[in-house]
């Protein structure tokens, strides 16, 4: 059965639209930060770290980050903020979230320059509101992917670890790393300003605090 040229063109257009729509729906959310040193925009990836992104965006929606500071700046490492106010008082947060670092790494998110990760304590599942921006490639912060099998053999910081019981490897605190969930897509010059600000003691922190306070004035989903 022959199809007319007009119907063929219409069908081609419909197929083209059906292919284009998923790409539009999958566009990554962006958050614009306005700071005392300028602006930057973070793109986040719910397809790679869904719970982490959901948690971060909820803090943004709640305007939690407004009035917080970058309280830890290490030029050879990262800049960290999102937890303390101008008086160095820690803001109350929602419950901590489960660590998604291994899943995010398996989907391509590494602690590279410009990427954004969740800060945490020694407990892998302790991240809440604080985040950091990598200002150098920090491969040592990447989670270690544990292969299938039991026992397992894997590489960690240049050394091969052989025949390790799987449960020991999976649960070892040093192998969890840090969950990357986004990336600075504009305003990296602002991040560089923050990175290069002189630091010293501040509040309860003995080192690495910007001498000139770096304030997050607002954070909004674009």
C-alpha atoms as a PDB file:
ATOM      1  CA  UNK A   1       0.000   0.000   0.000  1.00  0.00           C
ATOM      2  CA  UNK A   2       1.388   3.394  -1.033  1.00  0.00           C
ATOM      3  CA  UNK A   3       1.450   6.365   1.377  1.00  0.00           C
ATOM      4  CA  UNK A   4       1.073   9.864  -0.026  1.00  0.00           C
ATOM      5  CA  UNK A   5       3.991  12.291   0.197  1.00  0.00           C
ATOM      6  CA  UNK A   6       1.991  14.537   2.532  1.00  0.00           C
ATOM      7  CA  UNK A   7       1.235  11.655   4.927  1.00  0.00           C
ATOM      8  CA  UNK A   8       4.872  10.513   4.729  1.00  0.00           C
ATOM      9  CA  UNK A   9       6.096  13.985   5.679  1.00  0.00           C
ATOM     10  CA  UNK A  10       3.612  14.185   8.557  1.00  0.00           C
ATOM     11  CA  UNK A  11       4.690  10.774   9.832  1.00  0.00           C
ATOM     12  CA  UNK A  12       8.372  11.760   9.649  1.00  0.00           C
ATOM     13  CA  UNK A  13       7.664  14.942  11.605  1.00  0.00           C
ATOM     14  CA  UNK A  14       5.762  13.016  14.272  1.00  0.00           C
ATOM     15  CA  UNK A  15       8.573  10.485  14.640  1.00  0.00           C
ATOM     16  CA  UNK A  16      11.110  13.292  14.886  1.00  0.00           C
ATOM     17  CA  UNK A  17       9.084  14.936  17.667  1.00  0.00           C
ATOM     18  CA  UNK A  18       8.736  11.653  19.553  1.00  0.00           C
ATOM     19  CA  UNK A  19      12.524  11.260  19.527  1.00  0.00           C
ATOM     20  CA  UNK A  20      13.165  14.858  20.619  1.00  0.00           C
ATOM     21  CA  UNK A  21      10.752  14.947  23.554  1.00  0.00           C
ATOM     22  CA  UNK A  22      12.648  12.571  25.908  1.00  0.00           C
ATOM     23  CA  UNK A  23      15.821  14.646  25.520  1.00  0.00           C
ATOM     24  CA  UNK A  24      13.900  17.772  26.542  1.00  0.00           C
ATOM     25  CA  UNK A  25      12.350  16.023  29.546  1.00  0.00           C
ATOM     26  CA  UNK A  26      15.746  14.776  30.701  1.00  0.00           C
ATOM     27  CA  UNK A  27      17.356  18.233  30.961  1.00  0.00           C
ATOM     28  CA  UNK A  28      19.250  18.606  34.238  1.00  0.00           C
ATOM     29  CA  UNK A  29      17.985  21.075  36.876  1.00  0.00           C
ATOM     30  CA  UNK A  30      20.169  24.104  37.557  1.00  0.00           C
ATOM     31  CA  UNK A  31      20.620  26.169  40.729  1.00  0.00           C
ATOM     32  CA  UNK A  32      21.955  29.724  40.693  1.00  0.00           C
ATOM     33  CA  UNK A  33      23.981  30.805  43.718  1.00  0.00           C
ATOM     34  CA  UNK A  34      24.480  34.492  44.427  1.00  0.00           C
ATOM     35  CA  UNK A  35      27.393  35.062  46.808  1.00  0.00           C
ATOM     36  CA  UNK A  36      29.292  38.025  48.153  1.00  0.00           C
ATOM     37  CA  UNK A  37      32.035  37.147  45.652  1.00  0.00           C
ATOM     38  CA  UNK A  38      29.775  36.773  42.619  1.00  0.00           C
ATOM     39  CA  UNK A  39      27.477  34.204  41.056  1.00  0.00           C
ATOM     40  CA  UNK A  40      27.776  30.609  39.902  1.00  0.00           C
ATOM     41  CA  UNK A  41      25.359  27.978  38.576  1.00  0.00           C
ATOM     42  CA  UNK A  42      25.313  24.304  39.544  1.00  0.00           C
ATOM     43  CA  UNK A  43      23.753  21.671  37.285  1.00  0.00           C
ATOM     44  CA  UNK A  44      22.547  18.596  39.173  1.00  0.00           C
ATOM     45  CA  UNK A  45      21.959  15.032  37.951  1.00  0.00           C
ATOM     46  CA  UNK A  46      18.908  13.237  39.395  1.00  0.00           C
ATOM     47  CA  UNK A  47      19.436  10.371  36.945  1.00  0.00           C
ATOM     48  CA  UNK A  48      22.778   9.584  38.586  1.00  0.00           C
ATOM     49  CA  UNK A  49      22.267  10.488  42.274  1.00  0.00           C
ATOM     50  CA  UNK A  50      18.474  10.803  42.742  1.00  0.00           C
ATOM     51  CA  UNK A  51      18.178  10.936  46.534  1.00  0.00           C
ATOM     52  CA  UNK A  52      21.149  13.266  46.876  1.00  0.00           C
ATOM     53  CA  UNK A  53      19.771  15.664  44.274  1.00  0.00           C
ATOM     54  CA  UNK A  54      16.288  15.538  45.801  1.00  0.00           C
ATOM     55  CA  UNK A  55      17.766  16.383  49.202  1.00  0.00           C
ATOM     56  CA  UNK A  56      19.872  19.256  47.813  1.00  0.00           C
ATOM     57  CA  UNK A  57      17.004  20.772  45.825  1.00  0.00           C
ATOM     58  CA  UNK A  58      14.698  20.622  48.839  1.00  0.00           C
ATOM     59  CA  UNK A  59      17.191  22.697  50.821  1.00  0.00           C
ATOM     60  CA  UNK A  60      17.263  25.153  47.918  1.00  0.00           C
ATOM     61  CA  UNK A  61      13.444  25.307  47.787  1.00  0.00           C
ATOM     62  CA  UNK A  62      13.374  25.918  51.534  1.00  0.00           C
ATOM     63  CA  UNK A  63      15.866  28.807  51.059  1.00  0.00           C
ATOM     64  CA  UNK A  64      18.055  27.054  53.611  1.00  0.00           C
ATOM     65  CA  UNK A  65      21.290  28.199  51.979  1.00  0.00           C
ATOM     66  CA  UNK A  66      20.385  31.891  52.090  1.00  0.00           C
ATOM     67  CA  UNK A  67      22.628  33.545  54.686  1.00  0.00           C
ATOM     68  CA  UNK A  68      25.024  30.606  55.038  1.00  0.00           C
ATOM     69  CA  UNK A  69      28.761  30.904  54.428  1.00  0.00           C
ATOM     70  CA  UNK A  70      31.665  29.120  52.818  1.00  0.00           C
ATOM     71  CA  UNK A  71      33.371  28.186  56.059  1.00  0.00           C
ATOM     72  CA  UNK A  72      36.168  25.943  54.733  1.00  0.00           C
ATOM     73  CA  UNK A  73      38.461  26.902  51.860  1.00  0.00           C
ATOM     74  CA  UNK A  74      41.562  24.903  50.915  1.00  0.00           C
ATOM     75  CA  UNK A  75      43.039  26.170  47.604  1.00  0.00           C
ATOM     76  CA  UNK A  76      44.705  22.851  46.769  1.00  0.00           C
ATOM     77  CA  UNK A  77      41.553  20.881  47.518  1.00  0.00           C
ATOM     78  CA  UNK A  78      38.021  22.317  47.614  1.00  0.00           C
ATOM     79  CA  UNK A  79      35.662  25.004  48.937  1.00  0.00           C
ATOM     80  CA  UNK A  80      32.917  23.953  51.352  1.00  0.00           C
ATOM     81  CA  UNK A  81      29.753  25.634  52.574  1.00  0.00           C
ATOM     82  CA  UNK A  82      26.051  25.314  53.180  1.00  0.00           C
ATOM     83  CA  UNK A  83      25.907  24.586  56.895  1.00  0.00           C
ATOM     84  CA  UNK A  84      26.865  27.590  59.033  1.00  0.00           C
ATOM     85  CA  UNK A  85      25.507  31.118  59.368  1.00  0.00           C
ATOM     86  CA  UNK A  86      27.558  34.332  59.647  1.00  0.00           C
ATOM     87  CA  UNK A  87      27.995  33.729  63.388  1.00  0.00           C
ATOM     88  CA  UNK A  88      29.463  30.269  62.693  1.00  0.00           C
ATOM     89  CA  UNK A  89      26.416  28.604  64.163  1.00  0.00           C
ATOM     90  CA  UNK A  90      25.404  25.377  62.469  1.00  0.00           C
ATOM     91  CA  UNK A  91      21.874  25.485  61.110  1.00  0.00           C
ATOM     92  CA  UNK A  92      19.518  22.620  62.028  1.00  0.00           C
ATOM     93  CA  UNK A  93      19.053  20.206  59.146  1.00  0.00           C
ATOM     94  CA  UNK A  94      16.745  17.443  58.049  1.00  0.00           C
ATOM     95  CA  UNK A  95      17.829  13.830  58.657  1.00  0.00           C
ATOM     96  CA  UNK A  96      20.971  12.653  56.897  1.00  0.00           C
ATOM     97  CA  UNK A  97      20.704  10.792  53.594  1.00  0.00           C
ATOM     98  CA  UNK A  98      21.969   7.449  52.347  1.00  0.00           C
ATOM     99  CA  UNK A  99      25.279   7.464  50.481  1.00  0.00           C
ATOM    100  CA  UNK A 100      24.888   7.193  46.681  1.00  0.00           C
ATOM    101  CA  UNK A 101      28.529   7.642  45.724  1.00  0.00           C
ATOM    102  CA  UNK A 102      29.136   4.231  44.170  1.00  0.00           C
ATOM    103  CA  UNK A 103      26.053   4.415  41.975  1.00  0.00           C
ATOM    104  CA  UNK A 104      26.961   7.956  40.893  1.00  0.00           C
ATOM    105  CA  UNK A 105      30.533   6.924  40.107  1.00  0.00           C
ATOM    106  CA  UNK A 106      29.327   3.938  38.086  1.00  0.00           C
ATOM    107  CA  UNK A 107      27.298   6.448  36.034  1.00  0.00           C
ATOM    108  CA  UNK A 108      30.290   8.689  35.389  1.00  0.00           C
ATOM    109  CA  UNK A 109      30.367  11.243  38.232  1.00  0.00           C
ATOM    110  CA  UNK A 110      33.876  11.700  39.643  1.00  0.00           C
ATOM    111  CA  UNK A 111      35.464  14.205  42.005  1.00  0.00           C
ATOM    112  CA  UNK A 112      36.976  16.280  39.204  1.00  0.00           C
ATOM    113  CA  UNK A 113      37.528  20.047  38.927  1.00  0.00           C
ATOM    114  CA  UNK A 114      34.216  21.899  39.124  1.00  0.00           C
ATOM    115  CA  UNK A 115      32.120  18.987  40.333  1.00  0.00           C
ATOM    116  CA  UNK A 116      29.964  19.298  43.445  1.00  0.00           C
ATOM    117  CA  UNK A 117      29.794  16.635  46.164  1.00  0.00           C
ATOM    118  CA  UNK A 118      28.165  16.180  49.543  1.00  0.00           C
ATOM    119  CA  UNK A 119      30.252  16.807  52.636  1.00  0.00           C
ATOM    120  CA  UNK A 120      29.931  14.341  55.498  1.00  0.00           C
ATOM    121  CA  UNK A 121      31.516  13.093  58.708  1.00  0.00           C
ATOM    122  CA  UNK A 122      33.303   9.751  59.093  1.00  0.00           C
ATOM    123  CA  UNK A 123      29.914   8.064  58.788  1.00  0.00           C
ATOM    124  CA  UNK A 124      29.270   7.555  55.043  1.00  0.00           C
ATOM    125  CA  UNK A 125      25.539   8.066  55.588  1.00  0.00           C
ATOM    126  CA  UNK A 126      25.807  11.398  57.425  1.00  0.00           C
ATOM    127  CA  UNK A 127      25.477  13.953  54.594  1.00  0.00           C
ATOM    128  CA  UNK A 128      22.759  16.559  55.112  1.00  0.00           C
ATOM    129  CA  UNK A 129      23.081  20.119  53.763  1.00  0.00           C
ATOM    130  CA  UNK A 130      26.793  20.837  53.389  1.00  0.00           C
ATOM    131  CA  UNK A 131      28.424  20.524  49.983  1.00  0.00           C
ATOM    132  CA  UNK A 132      31.817  21.185  48.478  1.00  0.00           C
ATOM    133  CA  UNK A 133      33.129  22.177  45.068  1.00  0.00           C
ATOM    134  CA  UNK A 134      36.263  20.423  43.874  1.00  0.00           C
ATOM    135  CA  UNK A 135      38.842  22.986  42.702  1.00  0.00           C
ATOM    136  CA  UNK A 136      41.353  20.287  41.660  1.00  0.00           C
ATOM    137  CA  UNK A 137      40.935  16.700  40.503  1.00  0.00           C
ATOM    138  CA  UNK A 138      40.359  14.751  43.734  1.00  0.00           C
ATOM    139  CA  UNK A 139      40.350  11.148  42.544  1.00  0.00           C
ATOM    140  CA  UNK A 140      41.201  10.007  46.074  1.00  0.00           C
ATOM    141  CA  UNK A 141      37.702  11.112  47.104  1.00  0.00           C
ATOM    142  CA  UNK A 142      36.010   8.808  44.597  1.00  0.00           C
ATOM    143  CA  UNK A 143      34.234   5.762  46.009  1.00  0.00           C
ATOM    144  CA  UNK A 144      35.806   2.376  45.356  1.00  0.00           C
ATOM    145  CA  UNK A 145      33.639   0.166  43.183  1.00  0.00           C
ATOM    146  CA  UNK A 146      33.567  -3.307  44.702  1.00  0.00           C
ATOM    147  CA  UNK A 147      33.462  -6.057  42.044  1.00  0.00           C
ATOM    148  CA  UNK A 148      31.135  -9.035  42.129  1.00  0.00           C
ATOM    149  CA  UNK A 149      32.112 -12.158  44.026  1.00  0.00           C
ATOM    150  CA  UNK A 150      33.311 -13.102  47.495  1.00  0.00           C
ATOM    151  CA  UNK A 151      36.115 -12.643  48.337  1.00  0.00           C
ATOM    152  CA  UNK A 152      36.960  -9.656  46.145  1.00  0.00           C
ATOM    153  CA  UNK A 153      40.085  -8.084  44.703  1.00  0.00           C
ATOM    154  CA  UNK A 154      40.221  -4.343  44.006  1.00  0.00           C
ATOM    155  CA  UNK A 155      42.581  -1.384  43.679  1.00  0.00           C
ATOM    156  CA  UNK A 156      42.644   1.415  46.241  1.00  0.00           C
ATOM    157  CA  UNK A 157      45.035   4.367  46.049  1.00  0.00           C
ATOM    158  CA  UNK A 158      47.446   2.536  43.803  1.00  0.00           C
ATOM    159  CA  UNK A 159      47.545  -0.720  45.764  1.00  0.00           C
ATOM    160  CA  UNK A 160      45.894  -4.021  44.901  1.00  0.00           C
ATOM    161  CA  UNK A 161      43.936  -5.613  47.751  1.00  0.00           C
ATOM    162  CA  UNK A 162      43.381  -9.311  47.183  1.00  0.00           C
ATOM    163  CA  UNK A 163      40.907 -11.826  48.566  1.00  0.00           C
ATOM    164  CA  UNK A 164      39.096  -9.435  50.895  1.00  0.00           C
ATOM    165  CA  UNK A 165      35.781 -10.674  52.345  1.00  0.00           C
ATOM    166  CA  UNK A 166      33.077  -8.848  50.434  1.00  0.00           C
ATOM    167  CA  UNK A 167      31.251  -7.542  53.502  1.00  0.00           C
ATOM    168  CA  UNK A 168      34.505  -6.040  54.814  1.00  0.00           C
ATOM    169  CA  UNK A 169      35.154  -4.231  51.541  1.00  0.00           C
ATOM    170  CA  UNK A 170      31.590  -3.006  51.110  1.00  0.00           C
ATOM    171  CA  UNK A 171      31.405  -1.593  54.629  1.00  0.00           C
ATOM    172  CA  UNK A 172      34.934  -0.209  55.055  1.00  0.00           C
ATOM    173  CA  UNK A 173      34.591   3.511  55.824  1.00  0.00           C
ATOM    174  CA  UNK A 174      37.576   4.585  53.697  1.00  0.00           C
ATOM    175  CA  UNK A 175      36.170   2.946  50.570  1.00  0.00           C
ATOM    176  CA  UNK A 176      32.885   4.856  50.486  1.00  0.00           C
ATOM    177  CA  UNK A 177      34.320   8.119  49.162  1.00  0.00           C
ATOM    178  CA  UNK A 178      32.114  11.154  48.525  1.00  0.00           C
ATOM    179  CA  UNK A 179      28.949  11.420  46.447  1.00  0.00           C
ATOM    180  CA  UNK A 180      29.233  13.702  43.417  1.00  0.00           C
ATOM    181  CA  UNK A 181      25.824  14.955  42.302  1.00  0.00           C
ATOM    182  CA  UNK A 182      26.438  18.031  40.157  1.00  0.00           C
ATOM    183  CA  UNK A 183      28.824  20.367  38.400  1.00  0.00           C
ATOM    184  CA  UNK A 184      29.465  24.107  38.142  1.00  0.00           C
ATOM    185  CA  UNK A 185      28.413  25.000  34.591  1.00  0.00           C
ATOM    186  CA  UNK A 186      28.931  28.768  34.794  1.00  0.00           C
ATOM    187  CA  UNK A 187      30.618  31.169  37.184  1.00  0.00           C
ATOM    188  CA  UNK A 188      33.718  29.084  37.867  1.00  0.00           C
ATOM    189  CA  UNK A 189      35.556  32.420  38.078  1.00  0.00           C
ATOM    190  CA  UNK A 190      33.517  33.124  41.218  1.00  0.00           C
ATOM    191  CA  UNK A 191      34.532  29.759  42.661  1.00  0.00           C
ATOM    192  CA  UNK A 192      38.142  30.680  41.892  1.00  0.00           C
ATOM    193  CA  UNK A 193      37.726  33.946  43.819  1.00  0.00           C
ATOM    194  CA  UNK A 194      36.463  31.971  46.795  1.00  0.00           C
ATOM    195  CA  UNK A 195      39.293  29.474  46.385  1.00  0.00           C
ATOM    196  CA  UNK A 196      41.940  32.199  46.448  1.00  0.00           C
ATOM    197  CA  UNK A 197      40.607  34.223  49.371  1.00  0.00           C
ATOM    198  CA  UNK A 198      43.055  34.429  52.316  1.00  0.00           C
ATOM    199  CA  UNK A 199      42.131  32.128  55.198  1.00  0.00           C
ATOM    200  CA  UNK A 200      42.827  31.707  58.889  1.00  0.00           C
ATOM    201  CA  UNK A 201      40.947  30.886  62.082  1.00  0.00           C
ATOM    202  CA  UNK A 202      37.272  31.784  62.409  1.00  0.00           C
ATOM    203  CA  UNK A 203      34.580  30.956  64.950  1.00  0.00           C
ATOM    204  CA  UNK A 204      35.238  27.483  66.307  1.00  0.00           C
ATOM    205  CA  UNK A 205      37.466  26.570  63.346  1.00  0.00           C
ATOM    206  CA  UNK A 206      41.239  26.844  63.850  1.00  0.00           C
ATOM    207  CA  UNK A 207      42.140  27.091  60.144  1.00  0.00           C
ATOM    208  CA  UNK A 208      40.856  27.384  56.546  1.00  0.00           C
ATOM    209  CA  UNK A 209      38.164  30.008  57.231  1.00  0.00           C
ATOM    210  CA  UNK A 210      38.008  32.952  54.777  1.00  0.00           C
ATOM    211  CA  UNK A 211      39.266  36.094  56.513  1.00  0.00           C
ATOM    212  CA  UNK A 212      36.754  38.037  54.444  1.00  0.00           C
ATOM    213  CA  UNK A 213      33.443  36.278  54.985  1.00  0.00           C
ATOM    214  CA  UNK A 214      32.041  34.637  51.854  1.00  0.00           C
ATOM    215  CA  UNK A 215      28.271  34.730  52.152  1.00  0.00           C
ATOM    216  CA  UNK A 216      25.693  32.810  50.137  1.00  0.00           C
ATOM    217  CA  UNK A 217      23.083  35.494  49.610  1.00  0.00           C
ATOM    218  CA  UNK A 218      20.635  33.272  47.745  1.00  0.00           C
ATOM    219  CA  UNK A 219      20.284  29.925  45.976  1.00  0.00           C
ATOM    220  CA  UNK A 220      17.401  29.455  43.533  1.00  0.00           C
ATOM    221  CA  UNK A 221      16.351  26.831  41.010  1.00  0.00           C
ATOM    222  CA  UNK A 222      16.475  28.332  37.542  1.00  0.00           C
END
